[in-house]
């Protein structure tokens, strides 16, 4: 689905990504992990066409991402931010309708899709008539996930989607996301600082540091077979790691 070929991205003297090559096969779930400034969010923005590589190529479905086609490509990618990115002056239903309306969907079709997704993420349908400021943090994130899925895109990019939530709500949404990822069959790329969350949600973890890939594989590979001292320290710094298949 996605691929980076020797991609480098700089912000002034800071190298955010340094000749990174990485592929994301269709239907897989990958978590990008690492400390702040590792390059995780930059990589996600490059996949979405919000940033452009200084060198190298970003490929989507085998074709180089181009400026003239990026808007059309974005419509095929769901995107969820840490705070949801919802428009505060629009109700939940109106937030959900933005992309479908631009695609020419009828009102009945939009409402039917909203009902379907509300059931999928377990959000009471009556909450769609409220504004984002009238919803809890967990409800806003469920709504943001619904908005990303409205047009049924083949890929979903999530940038710290649960980072601002309290532990109980976060755990509940982790369970819901894991179920969604397993049932929808979409290509998912998730950014998180939390190794336990990454291990719970993704089948492959990619640890970045200083704009480079330090190690990738299953969570148990990082935990039991760290590539170097940096990986060992990163794993040791986590309070708890939910590893499956140990």
Protein backbone atom coordinates (compact mmCIF):
# COMPACT_ATOMS: atom_id res chain seq x y z
CA UNK A 1 0.00 0.00 0.00
CA UNK A 2 2.68 2.50 1.11
CA UNK A 3 6.43 2.59 0.60
CA UNK A 4 9.27 5.00 1.32
CA UNK A 5 12.42 4.72 -0.77
CA UNK A 6 15.52 6.43 0.69
CA UNK A 7 13.40 9.30 2.00
CA UNK A 8 15.14 12.20 3.69
CA UNK A 9 13.33 15.16 5.27
CA UNK A 10 15.00 18.17 6.92
CA UNK A 11 13.70 21.13 8.85
CA UNK A 12 16.57 23.57 8.65
CA UNK A 13 19.56 21.88 10.25
CA UNK A 14 17.39 19.19 11.83
CA UNK A 15 17.17 15.87 9.97
CA UNK A 16 13.72 14.46 10.73
CA UNK A 17 14.14 11.42 8.46
CA UNK A 18 17.48 10.18 7.21
CA UNK A 19 17.38 8.01 4.05
CA UNK A 20 14.52 5.86 5.36
CA UNK A 21 13.25 2.93 3.29
CA UNK A 22 10.17 1.22 4.61
CA UNK A 23 7.14 -0.61 3.18
CA UNK A 24 3.62 -1.08 4.50
CA UNK A 25 1.82 -4.02 2.90
CA UNK A 26 -1.91 -3.80 2.24
CA UNK A 27 -4.04 -5.02 5.14
CA UNK A 28 -1.28 -4.88 7.75
CA UNK A 29 -1.13 -2.93 11.03
CA UNK A 30 2.18 -1.18 11.79
CA UNK A 31 3.04 0.92 14.83
CA UNK A 32 5.74 3.60 14.62
CA UNK A 33 7.32 4.01 18.04
CA UNK A 34 10.14 6.04 19.52
CA UNK A 35 10.80 9.07 21.65
CA UNK A 36 9.77 12.62 20.73
CA UNK A 37 11.62 13.91 17.69
CA UNK A 38 12.32 10.42 16.33
CA UNK A 39 10.55 11.16 13.04
CA UNK A 40 7.31 9.23 13.57
CA UNK A 41 4.81 12.01 12.84
CA UNK A 42 6.94 13.33 9.98
CA UNK A 43 6.80 9.91 8.34
CA UNK A 44 3.02 9.85 8.72
CA UNK A 45 2.66 13.34 7.19
CA UNK A 46 4.81 12.29 4.25
CA UNK A 47 2.51 9.33 3.58
CA UNK A 48 -0.44 11.71 3.58
CA UNK A 49 1.18 14.33 1.37
CA UNK A 50 1.15 17.00 4.09
CA UNK A 51 4.95 17.14 3.87
CA UNK A 52 7.29 16.50 0.95
CA UNK A 53 10.57 14.64 1.01
CA UNK A 54 13.76 16.53 0.28
CA UNK A 55 15.02 13.42 -1.47
CA UNK A 56 13.76 9.90 -2.14
CA UNK A 57 10.25 8.80 -3.07
CA UNK A 58 6.94 8.13 -1.35
CA UNK A 59 4.87 5.50 -3.16
CA UNK A 60 1.18 4.78 -2.72
CA UNK A 61 -0.09 1.62 -4.36
CA UNK A 62 3.10 1.52 -6.41
CA UNK A 63 2.78 5.08 -7.77
CA UNK A 64 4.88 8.05 -6.63
CA UNK A 65 2.90 10.56 -4.60
CA UNK A 66 2.59 13.74 -6.70
CA UNK A 67 1.39 17.23 -5.78
CA UNK A 68 -1.19 17.26 -8.54
CA UNK A 69 -2.82 14.02 -7.33
CA UNK A 70 -2.39 14.34 -3.57
CA UNK A 71 -5.92 15.63 -2.85
CA UNK A 72 -7.52 12.73 -4.68
CA UNK A 73 -5.18 10.32 -2.88
CA UNK A 74 -5.99 11.83 0.53
CA UNK A 75 -9.65 11.00 0.05
CA UNK A 76 -8.63 7.35 0.06
CA UNK A 77 -6.78 7.66 3.39
CA UNK A 78 -8.42 8.12 6.79
CA UNK A 79 -6.46 10.34 9.19
CA UNK A 80 -6.88 10.68 12.96
CA UNK A 81 -5.01 13.21 15.10
CA UNK A 82 -4.31 13.11 18.84
CA UNK A 83 -7.02 15.69 19.60
CA UNK A 84 -9.30 14.40 16.87
CA UNK A 85 -9.07 17.47 14.62
CA UNK A 86 -12.85 17.95 14.67
CA UNK A 87 -14.33 21.29 13.63
CA UNK A 88 -15.72 22.79 16.87
CA UNK A 89 -18.43 24.86 15.14
CA UNK A 90 -19.99 21.78 13.50
CA UNK A 91 -22.04 19.05 15.13
CA UNK A 92 -20.74 15.52 15.07
CA UNK A 93 -23.06 14.67 12.20
CA UNK A 94 -21.87 17.71 10.22
CA UNK A 95 -18.23 16.75 10.82
CA UNK A 96 -18.94 13.29 9.46
CA UNK A 97 -20.69 14.69 6.37
CA UNK A 98 -17.83 16.92 5.15
CA UNK A 99 -15.97 14.46 2.92
CA UNK A 100 -19.00 12.46 1.73
CA UNK A 101 -20.74 15.68 0.65
CA UNK A 102 -17.69 16.68 -1.39
CA UNK A 103 -17.89 13.26 -3.04
CA UNK A 104 -21.52 13.80 -3.97
CA UNK A 105 -23.13 11.46 -1.47
CA UNK A 106 -26.84 11.94 -0.79
CA UNK A 107 -28.08 12.86 2.68
CA UNK A 108 -29.73 9.45 3.26
CA UNK A 109 -26.50 7.68 2.32
CA UNK A 110 -24.47 9.88 4.70
CA UNK A 111 -26.91 9.29 7.55
CA UNK A 112 -26.95 5.54 6.93
CA UNK A 113 -23.14 5.38 6.97
CA UNK A 114 -23.04 7.46 10.17
CA UNK A 115 -25.45 5.04 11.87
CA UNK A 116 -23.35 2.08 10.74
CA UNK A 117 -20.13 3.56 12.10
CA UNK A 118 -21.72 4.73 15.34
CA UNK A 119 -22.66 1.12 16.02
CA UNK A 120 -19.18 -0.03 15.02
CA UNK A 121 -17.36 2.27 17.47
CA UNK A 122 -20.13 2.00 20.09
CA UNK A 123 -21.00 5.70 20.13
CA UNK A 124 -24.65 6.48 20.99
CA UNK A 125 -26.20 7.91 17.85
CA UNK A 126 -27.87 10.81 19.66
CA UNK A 127 -24.43 12.22 20.44
CA UNK A 128 -23.94 13.01 16.75
CA UNK A 129 -26.22 16.02 17.22
CA UNK A 130 -23.84 17.55 19.78
CA UNK A 131 -20.83 19.77 19.14
CA UNK A 132 -17.34 18.42 19.89
CA UNK A 133 -17.04 20.64 22.96
CA UNK A 134 -20.10 18.92 24.41
CA UNK A 135 -18.50 15.47 24.18
CA UNK A 136 -16.00 13.72 26.43
CA UNK A 137 -12.47 13.05 25.20
CA UNK A 138 -13.25 9.41 24.48
CA UNK A 139 -16.43 10.34 22.62
CA UNK A 140 -14.54 12.89 20.49
CA UNK A 141 -11.95 10.29 19.55
CA UNK A 142 -14.65 7.80 18.57
CA UNK A 143 -16.20 10.52 16.42
CA UNK A 144 -12.80 11.29 14.85
CA UNK A 145 -12.34 7.60 14.01
CA UNK A 146 -15.82 7.56 12.47
CA UNK A 147 -14.97 10.59 10.33
CA UNK A 148 -11.77 8.91 9.11
CA UNK A 149 -13.79 5.84 8.11
CA UNK A 150 -16.80 7.58 6.52
CA UNK A 151 -15.72 7.09 2.90
CA UNK A 152 -14.48 3.54 3.65
CA UNK A 153 -10.83 4.28 2.76
CA UNK A 154 -8.41 1.37 2.24
CA UNK A 155 -5.87 2.93 4.61
CA UNK A 156 -5.97 4.54 8.04
CA UNK A 157 -3.23 6.74 9.56
CA UNK A 158 -3.40 7.53 13.28
CA UNK A 159 -1.08 10.01 15.00
CA UNK A 160 -1.14 9.44 18.78
CA UNK A 161 -4.94 9.01 18.65
CA UNK A 162 -5.24 7.97 22.31
CA UNK A 163 -2.42 9.98 23.87
CA UNK A 164 -4.60 12.64 25.53
CA UNK A 165 -7.06 10.22 27.15
CA UNK A 166 -7.16 9.00 30.75
CA UNK A 167 -5.99 5.41 31.32
CA UNK A 168 -9.43 3.80 31.64
CA UNK A 169 -10.84 5.44 28.51
CA UNK A 170 -7.60 4.75 26.67
CA UNK A 171 -7.75 1.04 27.53
CA UNK A 172 -11.37 0.86 26.39
CA UNK A 173 -10.57 2.50 23.05
CA UNK A 174 -7.51 0.30 22.59
CA UNK A 175 -9.82 -2.71 22.74
CA UNK A 176 -12.23 -1.13 20.27
CA UNK A 177 -9.42 -0.19 17.84
CA UNK A 178 -7.93 -3.68 17.99
CA UNK A 179 -11.32 -5.15 17.13
CA UNK A 180 -11.78 -2.65 14.30
CA UNK A 181 -8.35 -3.31 12.83
CA UNK A 182 -9.02 -7.04 12.86
CA UNK A 183 -12.44 -6.81 11.24
CA UNK A 184 -11.97 -4.06 8.64
CA UNK A 185 -8.83 -5.40 6.94
CA UNK A 186 -7.42 -1.94 6.23
CA UNK A 187 -3.79 -0.87 6.01
CA UNK A 188 -3.11 0.87 9.33
CA UNK A 189 -0.11 2.97 10.35
CA UNK A 190 -0.22 4.05 13.99
CA UNK A 191 2.08 6.47 15.81
CA UNK A 192 2.49 6.02 19.57
CA UNK A 193 5.09 6.56 22.30
CA UNK A 194 3.70 3.61 24.24
CA UNK A 195 5.32 0.24 23.57
CA UNK A 196 2.54 -1.65 25.32
CA UNK A 197 -0.10 0.06 23.19
CA UNK A 198 1.91 -0.62 20.05
CA UNK A 199 2.29 -4.29 20.96
CA UNK A 200 -1.43 -4.61 21.66
CA UNK A 201 -2.60 -2.97 18.43
CA UNK A 202 0.00 -3.81 15.79
CA UNK A 203 1.59 -6.95 14.37
CA UNK A 204 4.75 -5.04 13.41
CA UNK A 205 6.60 -2.37 15.35
CA UNK A 206 9.10 0.05 13.83
CA UNK A 207 11.35 1.83 16.33
CA UNK A 208 12.72 5.14 15.09
CA UNK A 209 15.49 7.26 16.61
CA UNK A 210 17.07 10.36 15.13
CA UNK A 211 15.19 9.90 11.88
CA UNK A 212 16.45 6.36 11.30
CA UNK A 213 14.99 2.90 11.76
CA UNK A 214 16.71 1.24 14.71
CA UNK A 215 14.76 -2.03 14.73
CA UNK A 216 11.52 -3.45 13.35
CA UNK A 217 9.63 -6.67 13.94
CA UNK A 218 7.18 -8.12 16.44
CA UNK A 219 7.04 -6.72 19.95
CA UNK A 220 8.67 -9.84 21.36
CA UNK A 221 11.66 -9.27 19.03
CA UNK A 222 12.31 -5.84 20.54
CA UNK A 223 11.70 -7.16 24.03
CA UNK A 224 13.75 -10.35 23.88
CA UNK A 225 16.20 -9.63 21.03
CA UNK A 226 16.95 -5.87 21.06
CA UNK A 227 19.19 -4.80 18.20
CA UNK A 228 21.35 -2.54 20.34
CA UNK A 229 21.63 -0.70 23.64
CA UNK A 230 19.24 2.04 22.53
CA UNK A 231 16.47 -0.49 21.92
CA UNK A 232 17.22 -2.14 25.24
CA UNK A 233 16.91 1.20 27.06
CA UNK A 234 13.69 2.09 25.24
CA UNK A 235 12.10 -1.21 26.21
CA UNK A 236 13.34 -0.94 29.80
CA UNK A 237 11.85 2.55 30.11
CA UNK A 238 8.31 1.21 29.55
CA UNK A 239 6.40 0.54 32.75
CA UNK A 240 4.49 -2.40 31.28
CA UNK A 241 4.45 -4.17 27.97
CA UNK A 242 1.47 -6.27 26.89
CA UNK A 243 3.19 -8.81 24.67
CA UNK A 244 1.07 -11.43 22.95
CA UNK A 245 2.36 -14.84 22.01
CA UNK A 246 5.14 -14.96 24.65
